[in-house]
Amino acid sequence: MVKRLGSNDGAFQGYTVDEALGVIVGGKSEPKKTKTKIEMKEYIEDAPDNPQTYDETARAAAKIVLSFLERHPEAHNMPADSDIEFDGKADWNSYHITREGLSDYIKRIEPELWNNPILDELTGFMWGWAVNAARSTLNLSPVPNPALLTIQIGNKE
């Protein structure tokens, strides 16, 4: 069984994507100063339109997500990615969506937005951080970051 972990990608604690990734992957200590919700919103809104770095790209993605969530409050309760079930075939494309997530909703509602080159450049962690960073500025609760998984073998919970 594969489970999504909590949203502990650092966005709700006010960490930049670089800081959060450094803590999770690199074992670096937590940053001494984190951003408030107001500072996080400014940090996102100041993202460049032509990002060049990992941090800038995640911020630019958060800016896109924030704008979308402001226009589409019906999406406020969606996870970052859709929940899917595979149909038991040896084919990665043989699945059905059991709960629509923000990524598929954006593709369906505003496909031109989803085709933004910034969103093509994202890792799973960047996408999850961008969604949670945007959500934090809107006082919405965090959702699981799709890149943070735990694999469970057997029936233990």
C-alpha atoms as a PDB file:
ATOM      1  CA  MET A   1       0.000   0.000   0.000  1.00  0.00           C
ATOM      2  CA  VAL A   2       1.247   3.486  -0.805  1.00  0.00           C
ATOM      3  CA  LYS A   3       0.003   6.275   1.433  1.00  0.00           C
ATOM      4  CA  ARG A   4       0.435   9.981   1.187  1.00  0.00           C
ATOM      5  CA  LEU A   5       2.014  11.451   4.255  1.00  0.00           C
ATOM      6  CA  GLY A   6       0.918  14.689   5.791  1.00  0.00           C
ATOM      7  CA  SER A   7       1.627  17.968   4.138  1.00  0.00           C
ATOM      8  CA  ASN A   8       4.895  18.410   5.949  1.00  0.00           C
ATOM      9  CA  ASP A   9       6.570  20.062   2.994  1.00  0.00           C
ATOM     10  CA  GLY A  10       7.298  23.166   5.059  1.00  0.00           C
ATOM     11  CA  ALA A  11       4.998  25.587   3.221  1.00  0.00           C
ATOM     12  CA  PHE A  12       2.673  26.011   6.203  1.00  0.00           C
ATOM     13  CA  GLN A  13       5.613  26.570   8.508  1.00  0.00           C
ATOM     14  CA  GLY A  14       6.770  29.424   6.258  1.00  0.00           C
ATOM     15  CA  TYR A  15       9.743  27.619   4.707  1.00  0.00           C
ATOM     16  CA  THR A  16      10.858  28.396   1.183  1.00  0.00           C
ATOM     17  CA  VAL A  17      10.943  25.380  -1.107  1.00  0.00           C
ATOM     18  CA  ASP A  18      14.760  25.322  -0.944  1.00  0.00           C
ATOM     19  CA  GLU A  19      14.712  25.376   2.865  1.00  0.00           C
ATOM     20  CA  ALA A  20      12.060  22.671   3.074  1.00  0.00           C
ATOM     21  CA  LEU A  21      13.838  20.403   0.623  1.00  0.00           C
ATOM     22  CA  GLY A  22      17.116  20.945   2.459  1.00  0.00           C
ATOM     23  CA  VAL A  23      15.535  19.803   5.726  1.00  0.00           C
ATOM     24  CA  ILE A  24      13.734  16.800   4.216  1.00  0.00           C
ATOM     25  CA  VAL A  25      16.367  15.473   1.833  1.00  0.00           C
ATOM     26  CA  GLY A  26      19.602  17.032   2.942  1.00  0.00           C
ATOM     27  CA  GLY A  27      19.196  16.678   6.675  1.00  0.00           C
ATOM     28  CA  LYS A  28      19.932  20.378   7.162  1.00  0.00           C
ATOM     29  CA  SER A  29      18.665  22.035  10.295  1.00  0.00           C
ATOM     30  CA  GLU A  30      15.462  24.013  10.190  1.00  0.00           C
ATOM     31  CA  PRO A  31      15.721  27.679   9.177  1.00  0.00           C
ATOM     32  CA  LYS A  32      15.927  30.115  12.056  1.00  0.00           C
ATOM     33  CA  LYS A  33      13.277  32.495  10.683  1.00  0.00           C
ATOM     34  CA  THR A  34      10.187  31.419   8.814  1.00  0.00           C
ATOM     35  CA  LYS A  35       7.776  33.533   6.819  1.00  0.00           C
ATOM     36  CA  THR A  36       4.438  34.727   8.164  1.00  0.00           C
ATOM     37  CA  LYS A  37       1.363  34.207   5.971  1.00  0.00           C
ATOM     38  CA  ILE A  38       1.635  37.821   4.790  1.00  0.00           C
ATOM     39  CA  GLU A  39       5.349  37.412   4.006  1.00  0.00           C
ATOM     40  CA  MET A  40       4.633  34.133   2.208  1.00  0.00           C
ATOM     41  CA  LYS A  41       1.980  35.793   0.047  1.00  0.00           C
ATOM     42  CA  GLU A  42       4.410  38.597  -0.881  1.00  0.00           C
ATOM     43  CA  TYR A  43       7.126  36.004  -1.560  1.00  0.00           C
ATOM     44  CA  ILE A  44       4.763  34.154  -3.925  1.00  0.00           C
ATOM     45  CA  GLU A  45       3.431  37.284  -5.640  1.00  0.00           C
ATOM     46  CA  ASP A  46       6.992  38.521  -6.240  1.00  0.00           C
ATOM     47  CA  ALA A  47       7.888  35.348  -8.166  1.00  0.00           C
ATOM     48  CA  PRO A  48       9.371  36.102 -11.575  1.00  0.00           C
ATOM     49  CA  ASP A  49       7.407  35.316 -14.730  1.00  0.00           C
ATOM     50  CA  ASN A  50      10.509  33.686 -16.214  1.00  0.00           C
ATOM     51  CA  PRO A  51      11.929  31.648 -13.321  1.00  0.00           C
ATOM     52  CA  GLN A  52      15.525  30.463 -13.488  1.00  0.00           C
ATOM     53  CA  THR A  53      16.031  28.514 -10.271  1.00  0.00           C
ATOM     54  CA  TYR A  54      14.309  25.730  -8.337  1.00  0.00           C
ATOM     55  CA  ASP A  55      13.059  28.253  -5.785  1.00  0.00           C
ATOM     56  CA  GLU A  56      11.819  30.735  -8.388  1.00  0.00           C
ATOM     57  CA  THR A  57      10.006  27.997 -10.318  1.00  0.00           C
ATOM     58  CA  ALA A  58       8.197  26.723  -7.207  1.00  0.00           C
ATOM     59  CA  ARG A  59       7.236  30.295  -6.281  1.00  0.00           C
ATOM     60  CA  ALA A  60       5.982  30.969  -9.811  1.00  0.00           C
ATOM     61  CA  ALA A  61       3.905  27.777  -9.628  1.00  0.00           C
ATOM     62  CA  ALA A  62       2.498  28.876  -6.263  1.00  0.00           C
ATOM     63  CA  LYS A  63       1.567  32.208  -7.871  1.00  0.00           C
ATOM     64  CA  ILE A  64      -0.363  30.344 -10.587  1.00  0.00           C
ATOM     65  CA  VAL A  65      -2.087  28.118  -8.010  1.00  0.00           C
ATOM     66  CA  LEU A  66      -2.930  31.080  -5.771  1.00  0.00           C
ATOM     67  CA  SER A  67      -4.503  32.944  -8.673  1.00  0.00           C
ATOM     68  CA  PHE A  68      -6.496  29.848  -9.672  1.00  0.00           C
ATOM     69  CA  LEU A  69      -7.723  29.210  -6.114  1.00  0.00           C
ATOM     70  CA  GLU A  70      -8.783  32.834  -5.772  1.00  0.00           C
ATOM     71  CA  ARG A  71     -10.867  32.495  -8.957  1.00  0.00           C
ATOM     72  CA  HIS A  72     -12.200  29.024  -8.090  1.00  0.00           C
ATOM     73  CA  PRO A  73     -13.209  28.683  -4.440  1.00  0.00           C
ATOM     74  CA  GLU A  74     -14.958  25.417  -5.333  1.00  0.00           C
ATOM     75  CA  ALA A  75     -11.448  23.931  -5.589  1.00  0.00           C
ATOM     76  CA  HIS A  76     -10.532  24.788  -1.993  1.00  0.00           C
ATOM     77  CA  ASN A  77     -11.236  21.280  -0.684  1.00  0.00           C
ATOM     78  CA  MET A  78      -9.318  19.374  -3.350  1.00  0.00           C
ATOM     79  CA  PRO A  79      -6.070  17.490  -2.764  1.00  0.00           C
ATOM     80  CA  ALA A  80      -3.047  18.529  -4.826  1.00  0.00           C
ATOM     81  CA  ASP A  81      -3.335  15.468  -7.080  1.00  0.00           C
ATOM     82  CA  SER A  82      -6.208  13.138  -7.851  1.00  0.00           C
ATOM     83  CA  ASP A  83      -6.675   9.912  -5.943  1.00  0.00           C
ATOM     84  CA  ILE A  84      -6.585   7.049  -8.418  1.00  0.00           C
ATOM     85  CA  GLU A  85      -7.149   3.318  -8.459  1.00  0.00           C
ATOM     86  CA  PHE A  86      -5.402   1.089 -10.938  1.00  0.00           C
ATOM     87  CA  ASP A  87      -7.617  -1.368 -12.761  1.00  0.00           C
ATOM     88  CA  GLY A  88      -5.385  -4.375 -12.087  1.00  0.00           C
ATOM     89  CA  LYS A  89      -3.792  -4.415 -15.514  1.00  0.00           C
ATOM     90  CA  ALA A  90      -0.090  -4.157 -16.221  1.00  0.00           C
ATOM     91  CA  ASP A  91      -0.650  -0.750 -17.782  1.00  0.00           C
ATOM     92  CA  TRP A  92       0.111   2.553 -16.014  1.00  0.00           C
ATOM     93  CA  ASN A  93      -2.672   4.181 -18.040  1.00  0.00           C
ATOM     94  CA  SER A  94      -5.299   1.710 -16.835  1.00  0.00           C
ATOM     95  CA  TYR A  95      -6.777   3.597 -13.896  1.00  0.00           C
ATOM     96  CA  HIS A  96      -9.742   5.657 -12.849  1.00  0.00           C
ATOM     97  CA  ILE A  97      -9.960   8.733 -10.674  1.00  0.00           C
ATOM     98  CA  THR A  98     -11.699   8.190  -7.340  1.00  0.00           C
ATOM     99  CA  ARG A  99     -11.334  11.809  -6.174  1.00  0.00           C
ATOM    100  CA  GLU A 100     -10.391  14.663  -8.458  1.00  0.00           C
ATOM    101  CA  GLY A 101      -7.392  16.688  -7.398  1.00  0.00           C
ATOM    102  CA  LEU A 102      -6.348  20.232  -8.158  1.00  0.00           C
ATOM    103  CA  SER A 103      -3.986  19.247 -10.983  1.00  0.00           C
ATOM    104  CA  ASP A 104      -6.694  17.416 -12.948  1.00  0.00           C
ATOM    105  CA  TYR A 105      -9.264  20.081 -12.115  1.00  0.00           C
ATOM    106  CA  ILE A 106      -7.028  22.827 -13.510  1.00  0.00           C
ATOM    107  CA  LYS A 107      -6.440  20.716 -16.648  1.00  0.00           C
ATOM    108  CA  ARG A 108     -10.189  20.342 -17.094  1.00  0.00           C
ATOM    109  CA  ILE A 109     -11.356  23.868 -16.148  1.00  0.00           C
ATOM    110  CA  GLU A 110      -8.487  26.003 -17.477  1.00  0.00           C
ATOM    111  CA  PRO A 111      -6.379  23.808 -19.796  1.00  0.00           C
ATOM    112  CA  GLU A 112      -4.480  26.836 -21.104  1.00  0.00           C
ATOM    113  CA  LEU A 113      -3.331  27.569 -17.559  1.00  0.00           C
ATOM    114  CA  TRP A 114      -2.145  23.984 -17.064  1.00  0.00           C
ATOM    115  CA  ASN A 115      -0.135  24.298 -20.295  1.00  0.00           C
ATOM    116  CA  ASN A 116       1.937  27.105 -18.783  1.00  0.00           C
ATOM    117  CA  PRO A 117       5.622  26.137 -19.265  1.00  0.00           C
ATOM    118  CA  ILE A 118       6.288  26.853 -15.578  1.00  0.00           C
ATOM    119  CA  LEU A 119       4.061  23.940 -14.587  1.00  0.00           C
ATOM    120  CA  ASP A 120       5.922  21.648 -17.006  1.00  0.00           C
ATOM    121  CA  GLU A 121       9.149  22.183 -15.089  1.00  0.00           C
ATOM    122  CA  LEU A 122       7.912  21.071 -11.673  1.00  0.00           C
ATOM    123  CA  THR A 123       8.954  18.118  -9.600  1.00  0.00           C
ATOM    124  CA  GLY A 124       6.279  16.466  -7.489  1.00  0.00           C
ATOM    125  CA  PHE A 125       7.699  18.113  -4.379  1.00  0.00           C
ATOM    126  CA  MET A 126       7.626  21.562  -5.999  1.00  0.00           C
ATOM    127  CA  TRP A 127       3.979  21.061  -7.029  1.00  0.00           C
ATOM    128  CA  GLY A 128       2.945  19.995  -3.527  1.00  0.00           C
ATOM    129  CA  TRP A 129       4.869  22.864  -1.939  1.00  0.00           C
ATOM    130  CA  ALA A 130       3.336  25.346  -4.416  1.00  0.00           C
ATOM    131  CA  VAL A 131      -0.182  24.121  -3.640  1.00  0.00           C
ATOM    132  CA  ASN A 132       0.388  24.295   0.125  1.00  0.00           C
ATOM    133  CA  ALA A 133       2.131  27.663  -0.030  1.00  0.00           C
ATOM    134  CA  ALA A 134      -0.834  29.103  -1.964  1.00  0.00           C
ATOM    135  CA  ARG A 135      -3.311  27.413   0.394  1.00  0.00           C
ATOM    136  CA  SER A 136      -1.529  28.824   3.453  1.00  0.00           C
ATOM    137  CA  THR A 137      -2.006  32.392   2.227  1.00  0.00           C
ATOM    138  CA  LEU A 138      -5.748  31.751   1.863  1.00  0.00           C
ATOM    139  CA  ASN A 139      -6.016  30.278   5.376  1.00  0.00           C
ATOM    140  CA  LEU A 140      -6.885  26.861   3.942  1.00  0.00           C
ATOM    141  CA  SER A 141      -5.586  23.738   5.653  1.00  0.00           C
ATOM    142  CA  PRO A 142      -2.613  21.898   4.148  1.00  0.00           C
ATOM    143  CA  VAL A 143      -3.023  18.902   1.854  1.00  0.00           C
ATOM    144  CA  PRO A 144      -0.609  15.988   1.426  1.00  0.00           C
ATOM    145  CA  ASN A 145       2.334  16.709  -0.822  1.00  0.00           C
ATOM    146  CA  PRO A 146       2.172  14.080  -3.611  1.00  0.00           C
ATOM    147  CA  ALA A 147       5.942  13.603  -3.505  1.00  0.00           C
ATOM    148  CA  LEU A 148       5.973  12.546   0.150  1.00  0.00           C
ATOM    149  CA  LEU A 149       4.986   8.884   0.301  1.00  0.00           C
ATOM    150  CA  THR A 150       5.346   5.958   2.589  1.00  0.00           C
ATOM    151  CA  ILE A 151       5.152   2.405   1.297  1.00  0.00           C
ATOM    152  CA  GLN A 152       3.515  -0.123   3.567  1.00  0.00           C
ATOM    153  CA  ILE A 153       3.780  -3.865   3.176  1.00  0.00           C
ATOM    154  CA  GLY A 154       1.127  -5.915   4.912  1.00  0.00           C
ATOM    155  CA  ASN A 155      -1.972  -4.814   6.804  1.00  0.00           C
ATOM    156  CA  LYS A 156      -0.361  -2.753   9.570  1.00  0.00           C
ATOM    157  CA  GLU A 157      -1.723   0.769   9.935  1.00  0.00           C
END
